[in-house]
Amino acid sequence: MSKQKGTKKTGGRAKGTPNKVTTDLRTWINELLNDNRKQFIADLKKLEPQQRVMIFEKMLSYAIPKMQSVEAVLDFNRLTDEQIDSIISEISKQIENDNKD
């Protein structure tokens, strides 16, 4: 029989405790990369420029988080005329500023 919803957790890993296998694997990969930096750089220099760019692109995803697109939806039927005028004014100012640059 399964536990009832809301029953306190018993056994297993405590919340927030890292998985030992994952931690060990990450440590091993970091050490492997750190110990072989010079070889990795030498190997990169031997690649064709297109291949080198592909490697850099793949590595960037681990160094810089990817940006996600954001969608804004405005229901103009719920806005007052004053609010719509204010939005138009702000957009116009932004366009003017962009054109100055």
PDB file of N, CA and C in Angstrom:
ATOM      1  N   MET A   1       0.841  -1.168   0.000  1.00  0.00           N
ATOM      2  CA  MET A   1       0.000   0.000   0.000  1.00  0.00           C
ATOM      3  C   MET A   1       0.895   1.243   0.000  1.00  0.00           C
ATOM      4  N   SER A   2       0.529   2.251  -0.782  1.00  0.00           N
ATOM      5  CA  SER A   2       1.329   3.461  -0.849  1.00  0.00           C
ATOM      6  C   SER A   2       1.007   4.394   0.312  1.00  0.00           C
ATOM      7  N   LYS A   3       1.941   5.321   0.539  1.00  0.00           N
ATOM      8  CA  LYS A   3       1.752   6.285   1.628  1.00  0.00           C
ATOM      9  C   LYS A   3       0.679   7.302   1.254  1.00  0.00           C
ATOM     10  N   GLN A   4       0.042   7.834   2.253  1.00  0.00           N
ATOM     11  CA  GLN A   4      -0.937   8.893   2.011  1.00  0.00           C
ATOM     12  C   GLN A   4      -0.197  10.187   1.702  1.00  0.00           C
ATOM     13  N   LYS A   5      -0.821  11.010   0.905  1.00  0.00           N
ATOM     14  CA  LYS A   5      -0.242  12.295   0.537  1.00  0.00           C
ATOM     15  C   LYS A   5      -0.028  13.145   1.788  1.00  0.00           C
ATOM     16  N   GLY A   6       1.148  13.784   1.874  1.00  0.00           N
ATOM     17  CA  GLY A   6       1.450  14.638   3.014  1.00  0.00           C
ATOM     18  C   GLY A   6       2.194  13.913   4.116  1.00  0.00           C
ATOM     19  N   THR A   7       2.420  12.597   3.961  1.00  0.00           N
ATOM     20  CA  THR A   7       3.156  11.828   4.959  1.00  0.00           C
ATOM     21  C   THR A   7       4.632  12.230   4.909  1.00  0.00           C
ATOM     22  N   LYS A   8       5.254  12.341   6.060  1.00  0.00           N
ATOM     23  CA  LYS A   8       6.646  12.743   6.149  1.00  0.00           C
ATOM     24  C   LYS A   8       7.557  11.721   5.473  1.00  0.00           C
ATOM     25  N   LYS A   9       8.604  12.214   4.792  1.00  0.00           N
ATOM     26  CA  LYS A   9       9.563  11.357   4.104  1.00  0.00           C
ATOM     27  C   LYS A   9      10.412  10.609   5.128  1.00  0.00           C
ATOM     28  N   THR A  10      10.636   9.333   4.845  1.00  0.00           N
ATOM     29  CA  THR A  10      11.520   8.546   5.705  1.00  0.00           C
ATOM     30  C   THR A  10      12.547   7.839   4.836  1.00  0.00           C
ATOM     31  N   GLY A  11      13.787   7.756   5.322  1.00  0.00           N
ATOM     32  CA  GLY A  11      14.838   7.069   4.578  1.00  0.00           C
ATOM     33  C   GLY A  11      15.332   7.865   3.386  1.00  0.00           C
ATOM     34  N   GLY A  12      16.322   7.313   2.702  1.00  0.00           N
ATOM     35  CA  GLY A  12      16.864   7.961   1.514  1.00  0.00           C
ATOM     36  C   GLY A  12      17.780   9.120   1.856  1.00  0.00           C
ATOM     37  N   ARG A  13      18.177   9.830   0.826  1.00  0.00           N
ATOM     38  CA  ARG A  13      19.082  10.954   0.967  1.00  0.00           C
ATOM     39  C   ARG A  13      18.321  12.179   1.472  1.00  0.00           C
ATOM     40  N   ALA A  14      18.934  12.918   2.370  1.00  0.00           N
ATOM     41  CA  ALA A  14      18.305  14.145   2.884  1.00  0.00           C
ATOM     42  C   ALA A  14      18.232  15.181   1.765  1.00  0.00           C
ATOM     43  N   LYS A  15      17.194  16.004   1.795  1.00  0.00           N
ATOM     44  CA  LYS A  15      17.008  17.042   0.800  1.00  0.00           C
ATOM     45  C   LYS A  15      18.233  17.950   0.750  1.00  0.00           C
ATOM     46  N   GLY A  16      18.741  18.200  -0.470  1.00  0.00           N
ATOM     47  CA  GLY A  16      19.892  19.087  -0.642  1.00  0.00           C
ATOM     48  C   GLY A  16      21.232  18.374  -0.595  1.00  0.00           C
ATOM     49  N   THR A  17      21.254  17.110  -0.202  1.00  0.00           N
ATOM     50  CA  THR A  17      22.502  16.357  -0.153  1.00  0.00           C
ATOM     51  C   THR A  17      22.853  15.917  -1.571  1.00  0.00           C
ATOM     52  N   PRO A  18      24.066  16.255  -2.055  1.00  0.00           N
ATOM     53  CA  PRO A  18      24.426  15.880  -3.424  1.00  0.00           C
ATOM     54  C   PRO A  18      24.602  14.371  -3.570  1.00  0.00           C
ATOM     55  N   ASN A  19      24.317  13.873  -4.761  1.00  0.00           N
ATOM     56  CA  ASN A  19      24.499  12.469  -5.077  1.00  0.00           C
ATOM     57  C   ASN A  19      26.000  12.179  -5.125  1.00  0.00           C
ATOM     58  N   LYS A  20      26.471  11.181  -4.400  1.00  0.00           N
ATOM     59  CA  LYS A  20      27.896  10.890  -4.302  1.00  0.00           C
ATOM     60  C   LYS A  20      28.498  10.497  -5.651  1.00  0.00           C
ATOM     61  N   VAL A  21      27.785   9.686  -6.419  1.00  0.00           N
ATOM     62  CA  VAL A  21      28.306   9.255  -7.721  1.00  0.00           C
ATOM     63  C   VAL A  21      28.467  10.458  -8.644  1.00  0.00           C
ATOM     64  N   THR A  22      27.459  11.329  -8.691  1.00  0.00           N
ATOM     65  CA  THR A  22      27.525  12.524  -9.532  1.00  0.00           C
ATOM     66  C   THR A  22      28.658  13.427  -9.092  1.00  0.00           C
ATOM     67  N   THR A  23      28.806  13.625  -7.785  1.00  0.00           N
ATOM     68  CA  THR A  23      29.887  14.463  -7.261  1.00  0.00           C
ATOM     69  C   THR A  23      31.245  13.882  -7.625  1.00  0.00           C
ATOM     70  N   ASP A  24      31.415  12.580  -7.455  1.00  0.00           N
ATOM     71  CA  ASP A  24      32.681  11.930  -7.797  1.00  0.00           C
ATOM     72  C   ASP A  24      32.985  12.049  -9.290  1.00  0.00           C
ATOM     73  N   LEU A  25      31.967  11.868 -10.125  1.00  0.00           N
ATOM     74  CA  LEU A  25      32.159  11.956 -11.572  1.00  0.00           C
ATOM     75  C   LEU A  25      32.549  13.373 -11.984  1.00  0.00           C
ATOM     76  N   ARG A  26      31.875  14.359 -11.424  1.00  0.00           N
ATOM     77  CA  ARG A  26      32.217  15.753 -11.747  1.00  0.00           C
ATOM     78  C   ARG A  26      33.634  16.089 -11.304  1.00  0.00           C
ATOM     79  N   THR A  27      34.021  15.610 -10.139  1.00  0.00           N
ATOM     80  CA  THR A  27      35.385  15.846  -9.648  1.00  0.00           C
ATOM     81  C   THR A  27      36.389  15.210 -10.586  1.00  0.00           C
ATOM     82  N   TRP A  28      36.131  13.983 -11.017  1.00  0.00           N
ATOM     83  CA  TRP A  28      37.048  13.274 -11.911  1.00  0.00           C
ATOM     84  C   TRP A  28      37.178  14.005 -13.250  1.00  0.00           C
ATOM     85  N   ILE A  29      36.032  14.460 -13.807  1.00  0.00           N
ATOM     86  CA  ILE A  29      36.061  15.183 -15.084  1.00  0.00           C
ATOM     87  C   ILE A  29      36.835  16.481 -14.940  1.00  0.00           C
ATOM     88  N   ASN A  30      36.622  17.217 -13.861  1.00  0.00           N
ATOM     89  CA  ASN A  30      37.364  18.466 -13.633  1.00  0.00           C
ATOM     90  C   ASN A  30      38.854  18.220 -13.536  1.00  0.00           C
ATOM     91  N   GLU A  31      39.239  17.184 -12.817  1.00  0.00           N
ATOM     92  CA  GLU A  31      40.660  16.858 -12.691  1.00  0.00           C
ATOM     93  C   GLU A  31      41.250  16.456 -14.040  1.00  0.00           C
ATOM     94  N   LEU A  32      40.512  15.649 -14.801  1.00  0.00           N
ATOM     95  CA  LEU A  32      40.961  15.230 -16.123  1.00  0.00           C
ATOM     96  C   LEU A  32      41.184  16.433 -17.033  1.00  0.00           C
ATOM     97  N   LEU A  33      40.227  17.358 -17.018  1.00  0.00           N
ATOM     98  CA  LEU A  33      40.360  18.560 -17.849  1.00  0.00           C
ATOM     99  C   LEU A  33      41.529  19.436 -17.392  1.00  0.00           C
ATOM    100  N   ASN A  34      41.643  19.638 -16.091  1.00  0.00           N
ATOM    101  CA  ASN A  34      42.721  20.479 -15.568  1.00  0.00           C
ATOM    102  C   ASN A  34      44.101  19.879 -15.844  1.00  0.00           C
ATOM    103  N   ASP A  35      44.218  18.564 -15.730  1.00  0.00           N
ATOM    104  CA  ASP A  35      45.505  17.909 -15.934  1.00  0.00           C
ATOM    105  C   ASP A  35      45.911  17.849 -17.402  1.00  0.00           C
ATOM    106  N   ASN A  36      44.979  18.058 -18.316  1.00  0.00           N
ATOM    107  CA  ASN A  36      45.259  17.917 -19.744  1.00  0.00           C
ATOM    108  C   ASN A  36      45.001  19.196 -20.541  1.00  0.00           C
ATOM    109  N   ARG A  37      45.069  20.323 -19.877  1.00  0.00           N
ATOM    110  CA  ARG A  37      44.803  21.604 -20.562  1.00  0.00           C
ATOM    111  C   ARG A  37      45.750  21.851 -21.725  1.00  0.00           C
ATOM    112  N   LYS A  38      47.029  21.662 -21.506  1.00  0.00           N
ATOM    113  CA  LYS A  38      48.013  21.934 -22.567  1.00  0.00           C
ATOM    114  C   LYS A  38      47.764  21.041 -23.776  1.00  0.00           C
ATOM    115  N   GLN A  39      47.471  19.769 -23.525  1.00  0.00           N
ATOM    116  CA  GLN A  39      47.203  18.844 -24.631  1.00  0.00           C
ATOM    117  C   GLN A  39      45.933  19.254 -25.370  1.00  0.00           C
ATOM    118  N   PHE A  40      44.917  19.662 -24.626  1.00  0.00           N
ATOM    119  CA  PHE A  40      43.654  20.075 -25.234  1.00  0.00           C
ATOM    120  C   PHE A  40      43.862  21.296 -26.125  1.00  0.00           C
ATOM    121  N   ILE A  41      44.640  22.251 -25.643  1.00  0.00           N
ATOM    122  CA  ILE A  41      44.924  23.462 -26.436  1.00  0.00           C
ATOM    123  C   ILE A  41      45.699  23.097 -27.696  1.00  0.00           C
ATOM    124  N   ALA A  42      46.685  22.203 -27.559  1.00  0.00           N
ATOM    125  CA  ALA A  42      47.462  21.769 -28.726  1.00  0.00           C
ATOM    126  C   ALA A  42      46.551  21.079 -29.745  1.00  0.00           C
ATOM    127  N   ASP A  43      45.648  20.243 -29.255  1.00  0.00           N
ATOM    128  CA  ASP A  43      44.717  19.555 -30.151  1.00  0.00           C
ATOM    129  C   ASP A  43      43.780  20.545 -30.840  1.00  0.00           C
ATOM    130  N   LEU A  44      43.322  21.556 -30.117  1.00  0.00           N
ATOM    131  CA  LEU A  44      42.454  22.581 -30.711  1.00  0.00           C
ATOM    132  C   LEU A  44      43.164  23.301 -31.854  1.00  0.00           C
ATOM    133  N   LYS A  45      44.432  23.601 -31.654  1.00  0.00           N
ATOM    134  CA  LYS A  45      45.198  24.326 -32.683  1.00  0.00           C
ATOM    135  C   LYS A  45      45.362  23.507 -33.954  1.00  0.00           C
ATOM    136  N   LYS A  46      45.277  22.187 -33.857  1.00  0.00           N
ATOM    137  CA  LYS A  46      45.424  21.311 -35.018  1.00  0.00           C
ATOM    138  C   LYS A  46      44.131  21.216 -35.837  1.00  0.00           C
ATOM    139  N   LEU A  47      43.016  21.625 -35.237  1.00  0.00           N
ATOM    140  CA  LEU A  47      41.728  21.513 -35.927  1.00  0.00           C
ATOM    141  C   LEU A  47      41.573  22.589 -36.991  1.00  0.00           C
ATOM    142  N   GLU A  48      40.693  22.306 -37.941  1.00  0.00           N
ATOM    143  CA  GLU A  48      40.313  23.308 -38.934  1.00  0.00           C
ATOM    144  C   GLU A  48      39.510  24.392 -38.218  1.00  0.00           C
ATOM    145  N   PRO A  49      39.545  25.631 -38.719  1.00  0.00           N
ATOM    146  CA  PRO A  49      38.818  26.719 -38.047  1.00  0.00           C
ATOM    147  C   PRO A  49      37.343  26.405 -37.785  1.00  0.00           C
ATOM    148  N   GLN A  50      36.656  25.786 -38.735  1.00  0.00           N
ATOM    149  CA  GLN A  50      35.235  25.484 -38.554  1.00  0.00           C
ATOM    150  C   GLN A  50      35.040  24.498 -37.396  1.00  0.00           C
ATOM    151  N   GLN A  51      35.905  23.496 -37.304  1.00  0.00           N
ATOM    152  CA  GLN A  51      35.804  22.529 -36.210  1.00  0.00           C
ATOM    153  C   GLN A  51      36.094  23.194 -34.869  1.00  0.00           C
ATOM    154  N   ARG A  52      37.064  24.100 -34.860  1.00  0.00           N
ATOM    155  CA  ARG A  52      37.441  24.806 -33.629  1.00  0.00           C
ATOM    156  C   ARG A  52      36.271  25.660 -33.127  1.00  0.00           C
ATOM    157  N   VAL A  53      35.594  26.331 -34.057  1.00  0.00           N
ATOM    158  CA  VAL A  53      34.446  27.160 -33.685  1.00  0.00           C
ATOM    159  C   VAL A  53      33.334  26.283 -33.111  1.00  0.00           C
ATOM    160  N   MET A  54      33.116  25.113 -33.676  1.00  0.00           N
ATOM    161  CA  MET A  54      32.075  24.208 -33.174  1.00  0.00           C
ATOM    162  C   MET A  54      32.397  23.765 -31.745  1.00  0.00           C
ATOM    163  N   ILE A  55      33.663  23.492 -31.471  1.00  0.00           N
ATOM    164  CA  ILE A  55      34.079  23.092 -30.117  1.00  0.00           C
ATOM    165  C   ILE A  55      33.853  24.249 -29.146  1.00  0.00           C
ATOM    166  N   PHE A  56      34.268  25.452 -29.547  1.00  0.00           N
ATOM    167  CA  PHE A  56      34.072  26.629 -28.686  1.00  0.00           C
ATOM    168  C   PHE A  56      32.596  26.838 -28.389  1.00  0.00           C
ATOM    169  N   GLU A  57      31.766  26.700 -29.418  1.00  0.00           N
ATOM    170  CA  GLU A  57      30.323  26.894 -29.236  1.00  0.00           C
ATOM    171  C   GLU A  57      29.761  25.897 -28.225  1.00  0.00           C
ATOM    172  N   LYS A  58      30.189  24.648 -28.321  1.00  0.00           N
ATOM    173  CA  LYS A  58      29.713  23.636 -27.375  1.00  0.00           C
ATOM    174  C   LYS A  58      30.195  23.933 -25.965  1.00  0.00           C
ATOM    175  N   MET A  59      31.424  24.412 -25.832  1.00  0.00           N
ATOM    176  CA  MET A  59      31.982  24.699 -24.512  1.00  0.00           C
ATOM    177  C   MET A  59      31.332  25.912 -23.870  1.00  0.00           C
ATOM    178  N   LEU A  60      30.927  26.889 -24.687  1.00  0.00           N
ATOM    179  CA  LEU A  60      30.300  28.101 -24.154  1.00  0.00           C
ATOM    180  C   LEU A  60      29.044  27.803 -23.363  1.00  0.00           C
ATOM    181  N   SER A  61      28.312  26.776 -23.767  1.00  0.00           N
ATOM    182  CA  SER A  61      27.064  26.463 -23.059  1.00  0.00           C
ATOM    183  C   SER A  61      27.326  26.035 -21.614  1.00  0.00           C
ATOM    184  N   TYR A  62      28.551  25.631 -21.312  1.00  0.00           N
ATOM    185  CA  TYR A  62      28.892  25.264 -19.939  1.00  0.00           C
ATOM    186  C   TYR A  62      29.428  26.453 -19.145  1.00  0.00           C
ATOM    187  N   ALA A  63      29.843  27.501 -19.842  1.00  0.00           N
ATOM    188  CA  ALA A  63      30.420  28.667 -19.178  1.00  0.00           C
ATOM    189  C   ALA A  63      29.439  29.823 -19.060  1.00  0.00           C
ATOM    190  N   ILE A  64      28.571  29.956 -20.056  1.00  0.00           N
ATOM    191  CA  ILE A  64      27.629  31.080 -20.091  1.00  0.00           C
ATOM    192  C   ILE A  64      26.221  30.512 -20.226  1.00  0.00           C
ATOM    193  N   PRO A  65      25.324  30.866 -19.321  1.00  0.00           N
ATOM    194  CA  PRO A  65      23.959  30.343 -19.432  1.00  0.00           C
ATOM    195  C   PRO A  65      23.265  30.838 -20.693  1.00  0.00           C
ATOM    196  N   LYS A  66      22.453  29.988 -21.269  1.00  0.00           N
ATOM    197  CA  LYS A  66      21.724  30.360 -22.479  1.00  0.00           C
ATOM    198  C   LYS A  66      20.566  31.277 -22.114  1.00  0.00           C
ATOM    199  N   MET A  67      20.339  32.255 -22.957  1.00  0.00           N
ATOM    200  CA  MET A  67      19.220  33.166 -22.759  1.00  0.00           C
ATOM    201  C   MET A  67      17.961  32.515 -23.315  1.00  0.00           C
ATOM    202  N   GLN A  68      16.860  32.721 -22.640  1.00  0.00           N
ATOM    203  CA  GLN A  68      15.588  32.207 -23.117  1.00  0.00           C
ATOM    204  C   GLN A  68      14.755  33.360 -23.651  1.00  0.00           C
ATOM    205  N   SER A  69      14.011  33.067 -24.697  1.00  0.00           N
ATOM    206  CA  SER A  69      13.164  34.115 -25.243  1.00  0.00           C
ATOM    207  C   SER A  69      12.027  34.401 -24.268  1.00  0.00           C
ATOM    208  N   VAL A  70      11.606  35.637 -24.268  1.00  0.00           N
ATOM    209  CA  VAL A  70      10.525  36.067 -23.384  1.00  0.00           C
ATOM    210  C   VAL A  70       9.411  36.623 -24.250  1.00  0.00           C
ATOM    211  N   GLU A  71       8.212  36.213 -23.957  1.00  0.00           N
ATOM    212  CA  GLU A  71       7.075  36.686 -24.726  1.00  0.00           C
ATOM    213  C   GLU A  71       6.165  37.497 -23.817  1.00  0.00           C
ATOM    214  N   ALA A  72       5.823  38.677 -24.270  1.00  0.00           N
ATOM    215  CA  ALA A  72       4.908  39.519 -23.503  1.00  0.00           C
ATOM    216  C   ALA A  72       3.585  39.600 -24.265  1.00  0.00           C
ATOM    217  N   VAL A  73       2.525  39.357 -23.577  1.00  0.00           N
ATOM    218  CA  VAL A  73       1.202  39.408 -24.200  1.00  0.00           C
ATOM    219  C   VAL A  73       0.399  40.494 -23.501  1.00  0.00           C
ATOM    220  N   LEU A  74      -0.073  41.449 -24.288  1.00  0.00           N
ATOM    221  CA  LEU A  74      -0.900  42.524 -23.746  1.00  0.00           C
ATOM    222  C   LEU A  74      -2.317  42.360 -24.276  1.00  0.00           C
ATOM    223  N   ASP A  75      -3.263  42.397 -23.385  1.00  0.00           N
ATOM    224  CA  ASP A  75      -4.668  42.369 -23.779  1.00  0.00           C
ATOM    225  C   ASP A  75      -5.148  43.823 -23.789  1.00  0.00           C
ATOM    226  N   PHE A  76      -5.107  44.419 -24.973  1.00  0.00           N
ATOM    227  CA  PHE A  76      -5.450  45.836 -25.091  1.00  0.00           C
ATOM    228  C   PHE A  76      -6.910  46.106 -24.745  1.00  0.00           C
ATOM    229  N   ASN A  77      -7.730  45.101 -24.787  1.00  0.00           N
ATOM    230  CA  ASN A  77      -9.146  45.288 -24.439  1.00  0.00           C
ATOM    231  C   ASN A  77      -9.317  45.584 -22.953  1.00  0.00           C
ATOM    232  N   ARG A  78      -8.333  45.206 -22.145  1.00  0.00           N
ATOM    233  CA  ARG A  78      -8.431  45.419 -20.697  1.00  0.00           C
ATOM    234  C   ARG A  78      -7.761  46.727 -20.261  1.00  0.00           C
ATOM    235  N   LEU A  79      -7.115  47.423 -21.216  1.00  0.00           N
ATOM    236  CA  LEU A  79      -6.414  48.666 -20.879  1.00  0.00           C
ATOM    237  C   LEU A  79      -7.298  49.877 -21.142  1.00  0.00           C
ATOM    238  N   THR A  80      -7.050  50.925 -20.357  1.00  0.00           N
ATOM    239  CA  THR A  80      -7.755  52.185 -20.594  1.00  0.00           C
ATOM    240  C   THR A  80      -7.065  52.916 -21.736  1.00  0.00           C
ATOM    241  N   ASP A  81      -7.745  53.923 -22.279  1.00  0.00           N
ATOM    242  CA  ASP A  81      -7.148  54.725 -23.351  1.00  0.00           C
ATOM    243  C   ASP A  81      -5.871  55.403 -22.865  1.00  0.00           C
ATOM    244  N   GLU A  82      -5.859  55.837 -21.622  1.00  0.00           N
ATOM    245  CA  GLU A  82      -4.680  56.499 -21.061  1.00  0.00           C
ATOM    246  C   GLU A  82      -3.498  55.521 -20.989  1.00  0.00           C
ATOM    247  N   GLN A  83      -3.772  54.279 -20.599  1.00  0.00           N
ATOM    248  CA  GLN A  83      -2.701  53.283 -20.528  1.00  0.00           C
ATOM    249  C   GLN A  83      -2.155  52.978 -21.925  1.00  0.00           C
ATOM    250  N   ILE A  84      -3.019  52.871 -22.894  1.00  0.00           N
ATOM    251  CA  ILE A  84      -2.573  52.613 -24.275  1.00  0.00           C
ATOM    252  C   ILE A  84      -1.744  53.778 -24.787  1.00  0.00           C
ATOM    253  N   ASP A  85      -2.192  55.012 -24.524  1.00  0.00           N
ATOM    254  CA  ASP A  85      -1.426  56.199 -24.935  1.00  0.00           C
ATOM    255  C   ASP A  85      -0.052  56.215 -24.285  1.00  0.00           C
ATOM    256  N   SER A  86       0.018  55.812 -23.018  1.00  0.00           N
ATOM    257  CA  SER A  86       1.289  55.767 -22.300  1.00  0.00           C
ATOM    258  C   SER A  86       2.235  54.736 -22.927  1.00  0.00           C
ATOM    259  N   ILE A  87       1.710  53.580 -23.293  1.00  0.00           N
ATOM    260  CA  ILE A  87       2.525  52.544 -23.931  1.00  0.00           C
ATOM    261  C   ILE A  87       3.057  53.038 -25.270  1.00  0.00           C
ATOM    262  N   ILE A  88       2.192  53.656 -26.059  1.00  0.00           N
ATOM    263  CA  ILE A  88       2.608  54.193 -27.361  1.00  0.00           C
ATOM    264  C   ILE A  88       3.686  55.247 -27.180  1.00  0.00           C
ATOM    265  N   SER A  89       3.520  56.090 -26.184  1.00  0.00           N
ATOM    266  CA  SER A  89       4.506  57.133 -25.911  1.00  0.00           C
ATOM    267  C   SER A  89       5.862  56.526 -25.552  1.00  0.00           C
ATOM    268  N   GLU A  90       5.857  55.515 -24.697  1.00  0.00           N
ATOM    269  CA  GLU A  90       7.105  54.859 -24.294  1.00  0.00           C
ATOM    270  C   GLU A  90       7.792  54.187 -25.481  1.00  0.00           C
ATOM    271  N   ILE A  91       7.011  53.528 -26.331  1.00  0.00           N
ATOM    272  CA  ILE A  91       7.578  52.880 -27.516  1.00  0.00           C
ATOM    273  C   ILE A  91       8.171  53.925 -28.460  1.00  0.00           C
ATOM    274  N   SER A  92       7.471  55.038 -28.630  1.00  0.00           N
ATOM    275  CA  SER A  92       7.972  56.116 -29.494  1.00  0.00           C
ATOM    276  C   SER A  92       9.293  56.667 -28.977  1.00  0.00           C
ATOM    277  N   LYS A  93       9.395  56.876 -27.662  1.00  0.00           N
ATOM    278  CA  LYS A  93      10.643  57.360 -27.053  1.00  0.00           C
ATOM    279  C   LYS A  93      11.778  56.365 -27.288  1.00  0.00           C
ATOM    280  N   GLN A  94      11.475  55.075 -27.130  1.00  0.00           N
ATOM    281  CA  GLN A  94      12.484  54.027 -27.320  1.00  0.00           C
ATOM    282  C   GLN A  94      12.984  54.014 -28.773  1.00  0.00           C
ATOM    283  N   ILE A  95      12.059  54.182 -29.707  1.00  0.00           N
ATOM    284  CA  ILE A  95      12.438  54.202 -31.135  1.00  0.00           C
ATOM    285  C   ILE A  95      13.315  55.417 -31.416  1.00  0.00           C
ATOM    286  N   GLU A  96      12.953  56.574 -30.877  1.00  0.00           N
ATOM    287  CA  GLU A  96      13.756  57.777 -31.062  1.00  0.00           C
ATOM    288  C   GLU A  96      15.157  57.600 -30.498  1.00  0.00           C
ATOM    289  N   ASN A  97      15.261  57.021 -29.316  1.00  0.00           N
ATOM    290  CA  ASN A  97      16.572  56.769 -28.710  1.00  0.00           C
ATOM    291  C   ASN A  97      17.401  55.787 -29.525  1.00  0.00           C
ATOM    292  N   ASP A  98      16.752  54.746 -30.059  1.00  0.00           N
ATOM    293  CA  ASP A  98      17.460  53.768 -30.872  1.00  0.00           C
ATOM    294  C   ASP A  98      17.963  54.391 -32.170  1.00  0.00           C
ATOM    295  N   ASN A  99      17.187  55.312 -32.734  1.00  0.00           N
ATOM    296  CA  ASN A  99      17.590  55.960 -33.983  1.00  0.00           C
ATOM    297  C   ASN A  99      18.735  56.938 -33.784  1.00  0.00           C
ATOM    298  N   LYS A 100      18.883  57.479 -32.569  1.00  0.00           N
ATOM    299  CA  LYS A 100      19.981  58.406 -32.256  1.00  0.00           C
ATOM    300  C   LYS A 100      21.311  57.667 -32.246  1.00  0.00           C
ATOM    301  N   ASP A 101      21.281  56.383 -31.821  1.00  0.00           N
ATOM    302  CA  ASP A 101      22.506  55.592 -31.729  1.00  0.00           C
ATOM    303  C   ASP A 101      22.890  55.141 -33.087  1.00  0.00           C
TER     304      ASP A 101
END
